[in-house]
């Protein structure tokens, strides 16, 4: 009767997320437990992860087939599975920042264009970025300080990205209106000099905390 033989020692390699379940197996240390010395038995193996997504210690299911001159002399118990990791795919990005009207802050609105997404997958994004200072200027440096990836057609958890991207944008002057200035009545004195009262002056559009002084 056929001799029992067990297969073990097959490993799977870790891989970076690629949206497939394909696994690469290592068979260099395969053990055929119970193989009679001198017999010829060969195995062919393929493996798939349980799903395509990032994870540690993920199950890899092994499919086996056997050949060799003595294969029919054995009842073979396959190695059913092993484990390996799928790690996040690192993305790069280019940044584009919107021009803005001066608002007293360094906050910038920035959009990233990703490079490295697998296939046609898309991701959402929340980006925190700042101008190099709050003041009006042209071609001012904008730096991305934080990036949060969100699910699109792809899962955000399958990707990673680091901040630090830079771009440029403009801060333009804010419109400000002045009102509330009054002039005092006077008795004719032969000149055009007027006495101005600015105690009730109003700066419409002045950003809270900013300091603007008018001379009249």
Protein backbone atom coordinates (compact mmCIF):
# COMPACT_ATOMS: atom_id res chain seq x y z
CA UNK A 1 0.00 0.00 0.00
CA UNK A 2 1.00 3.62 -0.49
CA UNK A 3 3.20 5.20 2.15
CA UNK A 4 2.01 8.39 3.91
CA UNK A 5 4.08 11.45 3.03
CA UNK A 6 3.72 14.96 4.45
CA UNK A 7 4.89 18.17 2.82
CA UNK A 8 6.20 21.10 4.93
CA UNK A 9 8.72 23.92 4.89
CA UNK A 10 7.14 26.01 2.13
CA UNK A 11 7.33 29.75 2.82
CA UNK A 12 5.87 32.87 1.20
CA UNK A 13 7.63 36.19 0.60
CA UNK A 14 6.33 39.49 1.95
CA UNK A 15 5.28 41.90 -0.78
CA UNK A 16 4.22 45.50 -1.35
CA UNK A 17 0.54 46.06 -2.11
CA UNK A 18 -0.15 45.58 -5.83
CA UNK A 19 -3.95 44.99 -5.84
CA UNK A 20 -3.50 41.27 -6.60
CA UNK A 21 -3.54 38.19 -4.39
CA UNK A 22 -0.52 36.63 -6.09
CA UNK A 23 2.08 35.27 -3.67
CA UNK A 24 5.68 34.21 -4.30
CA UNK A 25 6.53 30.93 -2.59
CA UNK A 26 9.87 29.73 -1.34
CA UNK A 27 10.40 25.98 -1.81
CA UNK A 28 14.15 25.77 -1.24
CA UNK A 29 13.61 24.27 2.22
CA UNK A 30 10.61 22.03 1.41
CA UNK A 31 10.54 18.82 3.45
CA UNK A 32 8.97 15.57 2.23
CA UNK A 33 8.36 13.75 5.47
CA UNK A 34 8.34 9.98 4.92
CA UNK A 35 10.05 9.92 1.52
CA UNK A 36 12.05 6.72 1.12
CA UNK A 37 15.73 7.33 0.46
CA UNK A 38 16.49 7.17 -3.23
CA UNK A 39 12.89 7.72 -4.40
CA UNK A 40 12.09 10.49 -6.83
CA UNK A 41 9.21 12.85 -6.07
CA UNK A 42 8.80 16.44 -7.24
CA UNK A 43 6.34 19.12 -6.28
CA UNK A 44 5.02 22.23 -8.03
CA UNK A 45 3.45 24.89 -5.84
CA UNK A 46 1.55 28.17 -6.23
CA UNK A 47 0.13 30.46 -3.60
CA UNK A 48 -2.45 33.22 -3.16
CA UNK A 49 -3.10 35.63 -0.30
CA UNK A 50 -6.58 35.52 1.22
CA UNK A 51 -7.15 39.03 -0.17
CA UNK A 52 -5.14 41.77 -1.84
CA UNK A 53 -5.11 44.26 1.02
CA UNK A 54 -2.31 45.28 3.38
CA UNK A 55 -1.91 43.18 6.50
CA UNK A 56 0.58 41.32 8.69
CA UNK A 57 0.69 37.54 8.96
CA UNK A 58 -1.84 37.10 6.16
CA UNK A 59 -2.82 33.56 5.16
CA UNK A 60 -1.35 32.31 1.88
CA UNK A 61 -3.19 29.27 0.52
CA UNK A 62 -0.94 26.78 -1.26
CA UNK A 63 -2.00 24.73 -4.28
CA UNK A 64 0.20 21.68 -4.93
CA UNK A 65 0.78 19.15 -7.66
CA UNK A 66 3.26 16.26 -7.70
CA UNK A 67 5.23 14.19 -10.14
CA UNK A 68 8.26 11.96 -10.32
CA UNK A 69 8.88 8.28 -10.88
CA UNK A 70 7.74 7.25 -7.42
CA UNK A 71 4.77 9.61 -6.87
CA UNK A 72 2.21 6.79 -7.03
CA UNK A 73 3.86 5.03 -4.10
CA UNK A 74 2.77 7.75 -1.69
CA UNK A 75 -0.38 9.21 -0.16
CA UNK A 76 0.54 12.86 0.14
CA UNK A 77 -0.71 15.32 2.76
CA UNK A 78 -0.14 18.80 1.33
CA UNK A 79 1.06 21.84 3.22
CA UNK A 80 -2.20 23.79 3.04
CA UNK A 81 -0.96 27.30 3.82
CA UNK A 82 1.69 29.61 5.17
CA UNK A 83 1.75 33.30 6.13
CA UNK A 84 3.35 36.51 4.85
CA UNK A 85 2.86 40.27 5.00
CA UNK A 86 1.48 42.72 2.46
CA UNK A 87 2.96 46.16 3.15
CA UNK A 88 1.73 49.61 2.12
CA UNK A 89 2.71 51.06 -1.22
CA UNK A 90 4.51 54.39 -0.88
CA UNK A 91 3.13 57.25 -2.96
CA UNK A 92 4.74 60.46 -4.10
CA UNK A 93 2.81 63.61 -4.94
CA UNK A 94 3.07 67.00 -6.58
CA UNK A 95 1.36 69.93 -4.87
CA UNK A 96 -0.71 72.76 -6.30
CA UNK A 97 -1.79 75.65 -4.05
CA UNK A 98 -4.55 78.18 -4.64
CA UNK A 99 -3.91 81.92 -4.57
CA UNK A 100 -5.74 83.73 -1.76
CA UNK A 101 -6.66 87.17 -0.49
CA UNK A 102 -4.80 88.24 2.64
CA UNK A 103 -6.60 87.00 5.75
CA UNK A 104 -3.99 87.40 8.48
CA UNK A 105 -3.11 83.69 8.57
CA UNK A 106 -0.57 81.46 6.83
CA UNK A 107 -3.19 78.83 5.97
CA UNK A 108 -3.03 77.62 2.36
CA UNK A 109 -5.39 75.48 0.27
CA UNK A 110 -3.40 72.79 -1.49
CA UNK A 111 -4.30 69.85 -3.73
CA UNK A 112 -2.02 66.86 -4.35
CA UNK A 113 -1.65 64.81 -7.53
CA UNK A 114 -0.54 61.29 -6.58
CA UNK A 115 2.04 59.14 -8.34
CA UNK A 116 2.27 55.41 -7.66
CA UNK A 117 -1.40 54.46 -7.38
CA UNK A 118 -2.02 50.91 -8.58
CA UNK A 119 -3.94 50.63 -11.85
CA UNK A 120 -6.90 52.99 -11.98
CA UNK A 121 -7.34 53.25 -8.21
CA UNK A 122 -8.09 56.66 -6.74
CA UNK A 123 -7.80 58.10 -3.23
CA UNK A 124 -9.24 61.09 -1.42
CA UNK A 125 -7.09 63.51 0.53
CA UNK A 126 -7.10 66.01 3.35
CA UNK A 127 -4.08 68.29 3.15
CA UNK A 128 -2.74 70.75 5.73
CA UNK A 129 -0.41 73.38 4.27
CA UNK A 130 0.94 76.85 5.05
CA UNK A 131 2.49 79.87 3.35
CA UNK A 132 5.96 80.85 4.58
CA UNK A 133 4.35 83.93 6.22
CA UNK A 134 0.96 85.66 6.28
CA UNK A 135 1.87 88.73 4.23
CA UNK A 136 0.99 89.75 0.69
CA UNK A 137 3.40 88.51 -1.95
CA UNK A 138 3.82 86.82 -5.32
CA UNK A 139 5.23 83.32 -5.76
CA UNK A 140 5.28 82.65 -2.04
CA UNK A 141 6.43 79.23 -0.85
CA UNK A 142 3.70 76.85 0.33
CA UNK A 143 4.69 73.74 2.31
CA UNK A 144 2.54 70.66 2.86
CA UNK A 145 2.63 69.81 6.58
CA UNK A 146 0.17 66.93 6.83
CA UNK A 147 -1.62 64.49 4.52
CA UNK A 148 -4.52 62.22 5.40
CA UNK A 149 -5.45 59.69 2.73
CA UNK A 150 -9.10 58.64 2.46
CA UNK A 151 -10.75 55.82 0.56
CA UNK A 152 -11.58 56.32 -3.09
CA UNK A 153 -11.91 53.43 -5.50
CA UNK A 154 -8.88 52.13 -3.61
CA UNK A 155 -8.41 51.71 0.14
CA UNK A 156 -6.35 54.39 1.88
CA UNK A 157 -4.91 51.74 4.22
CA UNK A 158 -3.09 50.14 1.29
CA UNK A 159 -0.97 53.25 0.73
CA UNK A 160 1.40 55.55 2.59
CA UNK A 161 2.71 59.04 1.84
CA UNK A 162 4.97 61.53 3.57
CA UNK A 163 4.35 65.31 3.70
CA UNK A 164 6.91 68.00 2.89
CA UNK A 165 5.95 68.81 -0.71
CA UNK A 166 6.31 72.47 -1.69
CA UNK A 167 4.79 74.73 -4.31
CA UNK A 168 4.12 78.46 -4.73
CA UNK A 169 1.06 80.71 -4.75
CA UNK A 170 0.16 84.37 -4.33
CA UNK A 171 -1.35 86.30 -1.44
CA UNK A 172 -3.10 89.40 -2.71
CA UNK A 173 -4.08 92.56 -0.79
CA UNK A 174 -7.44 92.64 0.99
CA UNK A 175 -9.84 95.46 0.20
CA UNK A 176 -10.33 97.81 3.14
CA UNK A 177 -12.79 100.70 3.34
CA UNK A 178 -12.41 103.69 5.64
CA UNK A 179 -15.45 105.53 7.01
CA UNK A 180 -16.62 107.51 10.06
CA UNK A 181 -14.28 110.50 9.64
CA UNK A 182 -15.98 113.81 10.44
CA UNK A 183 -15.03 117.49 10.11
CA UNK A 184 -15.83 120.20 12.66
CA UNK A 185 -17.82 123.30 11.71
CA UNK A 186 -15.85 126.56 12.00
CA UNK A 187 -16.22 130.32 11.85
CA UNK A 188 -14.88 131.92 8.69
CA UNK A 189 -11.16 132.63 9.04
CA UNK A 190 -10.09 133.24 5.46
CA UNK A 191 -8.45 129.81 4.90
CA UNK A 192 -9.51 126.32 3.90
CA UNK A 193 -8.05 124.50 6.90
CA UNK A 194 -10.50 121.99 8.42
CA UNK A 195 -10.37 120.21 11.76
CA UNK A 196 -10.85 116.45 11.31
CA UNK A 197 -12.23 114.06 13.93
CA UNK A 198 -11.20 110.41 13.57
CA UNK A 199 -12.44 109.22 16.94
CA UNK A 200 -15.25 107.25 15.26
CA UNK A 201 -13.23 105.98 12.31
CA UNK A 202 -14.15 102.55 10.96
CA UNK A 203 -11.90 100.25 8.95
CA UNK A 204 -14.26 97.97 7.06
CA UNK A 205 -12.59 94.64 6.28
CA UNK A 206 -9.72 94.93 8.76
CA UNK A 207 -8.55 91.48 9.89
CA UNK A 208 -8.92 90.99 13.64
CA UNK A 209 -5.63 91.69 15.39
CA UNK A 210 -4.12 93.70 12.52
CA UNK A 211 -2.94 97.25 13.06
CA UNK A 212 -3.70 99.98 10.49
CA UNK A 213 -3.28 103.71 11.29
CA UNK A 214 -4.47 106.58 9.11
CA UNK A 215 -3.15 110.12 9.09
CA UNK A 216 -5.58 112.81 7.91
